[in-house]
Amino acid sequence: MPPTPPPTEGEAHLARYRDFAWLMDESIRLPFGFRVGLDSIVGLVPGAGDVVLGTMGTYALFVAYRLGAPGTVLARMLGNLGVDTILGAIPLVGDLFDAGFKANTRNKRLLEAWLAEPHRTTTRSRWLFLAALAALALIV
């Protein structure tokens, strides 16, 4: 049996991002099976915690870009980070939101879905991106 080839650079980044997403969103088990991560803990630091975590979350964009994800997938991932950072910055309510929203896990799933079915995920992302853009235009 031939030896297994070493992972590509993109696969290595993806493996690290999977670990990062777990650490940030699901590494701490709470009663009743609910899981949170360091994102929920560090997010308790007013203002600075959410900015630091939002910046760290951009690693997902780097990984997706290195793997060749299309702009629509990158835009959805950036949207998840933006929502998590902005709403997470609201004192107390934002911390509860942060514990449930789990932007890193969402981005990991989005990236894995794109890798599994690139065309389907890209098309769905394009429609969601256009719908979000239209909703923003209506709000403005």
Protein backbone atom coordinates (compact mmCIF):
# COMPACT_ATOMS: atom_id res chain seq x y z
CA MET A 1 0.00 0.00 0.00
CA PRO A 2 1.56 3.34 -1.01
CA PRO A 3 2.17 5.92 1.70
CA THR A 4 -0.41 8.65 2.15
CA PRO A 5 0.79 11.93 0.65
CA PRO A 6 1.26 14.81 3.08
CA PRO A 7 -1.58 17.35 3.23
CA THR A 8 -1.41 20.34 0.93
CA GLU A 9 -0.88 23.78 2.42
CA GLY A 10 -4.61 24.55 2.02
CA GLU A 11 -5.62 21.29 3.73
CA ALA A 12 -3.25 22.06 6.61
CA HIS A 13 -4.80 25.53 7.02
CA LEU A 14 -8.28 23.99 6.94
CA ALA A 15 -7.35 21.48 9.65
CA ARG A 16 -5.98 24.31 11.82
CA TYR A 17 -9.12 26.36 11.22
CA ARG A 18 -11.34 23.44 12.26
CA ASP A 19 -9.41 23.25 15.54
CA PHE A 20 -9.60 27.05 15.93
CA ALA A 21 -13.39 27.08 15.35
CA TRP A 22 -13.87 24.31 17.94
CA LEU A 23 -11.69 26.16 20.48
CA MET A 24 -13.48 29.47 19.93
CA ASP A 25 -17.08 28.19 19.80
CA GLU A 26 -17.48 24.73 21.36
CA SER A 27 -14.56 23.79 23.63
CA ILE A 28 -16.29 24.35 26.98
CA ARG A 29 -19.18 22.09 27.97
CA LEU A 30 -21.88 23.69 30.11
CA PRO A 31 -24.78 21.97 31.86
CA PHE A 32 -27.62 20.63 29.70
CA GLY A 33 -25.26 19.88 26.80
CA PHE A 34 -24.76 23.50 25.76
CA ARG A 35 -21.26 24.31 24.52
CA VAL A 36 -19.41 27.63 24.37
CA GLY A 37 -15.82 28.48 23.62
CA LEU A 38 -13.20 31.07 24.30
CA ASP A 39 -15.17 33.49 22.12
CA SER A 40 -17.86 33.68 24.80
CA ILE A 41 -15.33 34.10 27.61
CA VAL A 42 -13.04 36.67 25.96
CA GLY A 43 -16.11 38.49 24.64
CA LEU A 44 -16.97 39.43 28.22
CA VAL A 45 -14.13 41.97 28.13
CA PRO A 46 -15.98 45.16 27.13
CA GLY A 47 -15.19 46.43 23.64
CA ALA A 48 -11.67 45.12 23.19
CA GLY A 49 -12.63 41.45 23.53
CA ASP A 50 -14.98 41.53 20.56
CA VAL A 51 -12.54 43.50 18.40
CA VAL A 52 -9.72 41.03 19.13
CA LEU A 53 -11.99 38.04 18.46
CA GLY A 54 -13.31 39.58 15.24
CA THR A 55 -9.76 40.11 14.07
CA MET A 56 -8.82 36.54 14.95
CA GLY A 57 -11.89 35.29 13.09
CA THR A 58 -10.54 36.70 9.84
CA TYR A 59 -8.29 33.63 9.73
CA ALA A 60 -11.32 31.89 8.19
CA LEU A 61 -11.22 34.34 5.29
CA PHE A 62 -7.51 33.66 4.79
CA VAL A 63 -8.12 29.90 4.73
CA ALA A 64 -11.07 30.22 2.35
CA TYR A 65 -9.07 32.48 0.05
CA ARG A 66 -6.13 30.05 0.04
CA LEU A 67 -8.49 27.22 -0.88
CA GLY A 68 -9.92 29.28 -3.77
CA ALA A 69 -13.38 30.04 -2.38
CA PRO A 70 -15.39 32.44 -4.56
CA GLY A 71 -16.19 36.00 -3.50
CA THR A 72 -19.76 35.17 -2.56
CA VAL A 73 -18.64 32.56 -0.05
CA LEU A 74 -16.03 34.97 1.32
CA ALA A 75 -18.72 37.68 1.59
CA ARG A 76 -21.01 35.38 3.60
CA MET A 77 -18.14 34.48 5.90
CA LEU A 78 -17.29 38.16 6.36
CA GLY A 79 -20.97 38.84 7.08
CA ASN A 80 -20.97 36.20 9.82
CA LEU A 81 -17.89 37.79 11.38
CA GLY A 82 -19.38 41.27 11.10
CA VAL A 83 -22.66 40.28 12.75
CA ASP A 84 -20.79 38.45 15.51
CA THR A 85 -18.42 41.37 16.15
CA ILE A 86 -21.00 44.16 16.02
CA LEU A 87 -23.80 42.48 17.96
CA GLY A 88 -21.34 40.82 20.33
CA ALA A 89 -20.10 44.26 21.37
CA ILE A 90 -23.48 45.12 22.95
CA PRO A 91 -23.01 44.70 26.72
CA LEU A 92 -24.62 41.60 28.24
CA VAL A 93 -27.13 40.94 25.42
CA GLY A 94 -24.25 40.71 22.96
CA ASP A 95 -22.50 38.14 25.13
CA LEU A 96 -25.60 35.94 25.13
CA PHE A 97 -25.91 36.39 21.36
CA ASP A 98 -22.24 35.51 20.96
CA ALA A 99 -22.71 32.23 22.81
CA GLY A 100 -25.49 31.18 20.44
CA PHE A 101 -24.42 32.60 17.07
CA LYS A 102 -20.98 30.89 16.85
CA ALA A 103 -19.60 32.69 13.77
CA ASN A 104 -16.49 30.50 13.53
CA THR A 105 -18.54 27.30 13.47
CA ARG A 106 -20.86 28.84 10.86
CA ASN A 107 -17.89 29.80 8.72
CA LYS A 108 -16.32 26.36 9.10
CA ARG A 109 -19.56 24.71 7.96
CA LEU A 110 -19.91 27.15 5.07
CA LEU A 111 -16.36 26.44 3.94
CA GLU A 112 -16.82 22.67 4.26
CA ALA A 113 -20.10 22.85 2.31
CA TRP A 114 -18.36 24.78 -0.46
CA LEU A 115 -15.54 22.23 -0.58
CA ALA A 116 -18.07 19.37 -0.78
CA GLU A 117 -20.29 20.98 -3.44
CA PRO A 118 -18.63 24.07 -4.90
CA HIS A 119 -21.27 24.95 -7.50
CA ARG A 120 -24.28 24.50 -5.22
CA THR A 121 -22.80 26.48 -2.34
CA THR A 122 -21.58 29.27 -4.63
CA THR A 123 -25.03 29.65 -6.21
CA ARG A 124 -26.78 29.66 -2.81
CA SER A 125 -24.24 32.13 -1.43
CA ARG A 126 -24.77 34.41 -4.42
CA TRP A 127 -28.54 34.50 -3.83
CA LEU A 128 -28.16 35.09 -0.09
CA PHE A 129 -25.60 37.82 -0.73
CA LEU A 130 -27.89 39.57 -3.23
CA ALA A 131 -30.84 39.26 -0.84
CA ALA A 132 -28.79 40.79 1.99
CA LEU A 133 -27.65 43.58 -0.30
CA ALA A 134 -31.25 44.28 -1.32
CA ALA A 135 -32.39 44.28 2.33
CA LEU A 136 -29.61 46.72 3.21
CA ALA A 137 -30.63 48.97 0.32
CA LEU A 138 -34.25 48.93 1.55
CA ILE A 139 -33.16 49.79 5.07
CA VAL A 140 -31.05 52.70 3.87
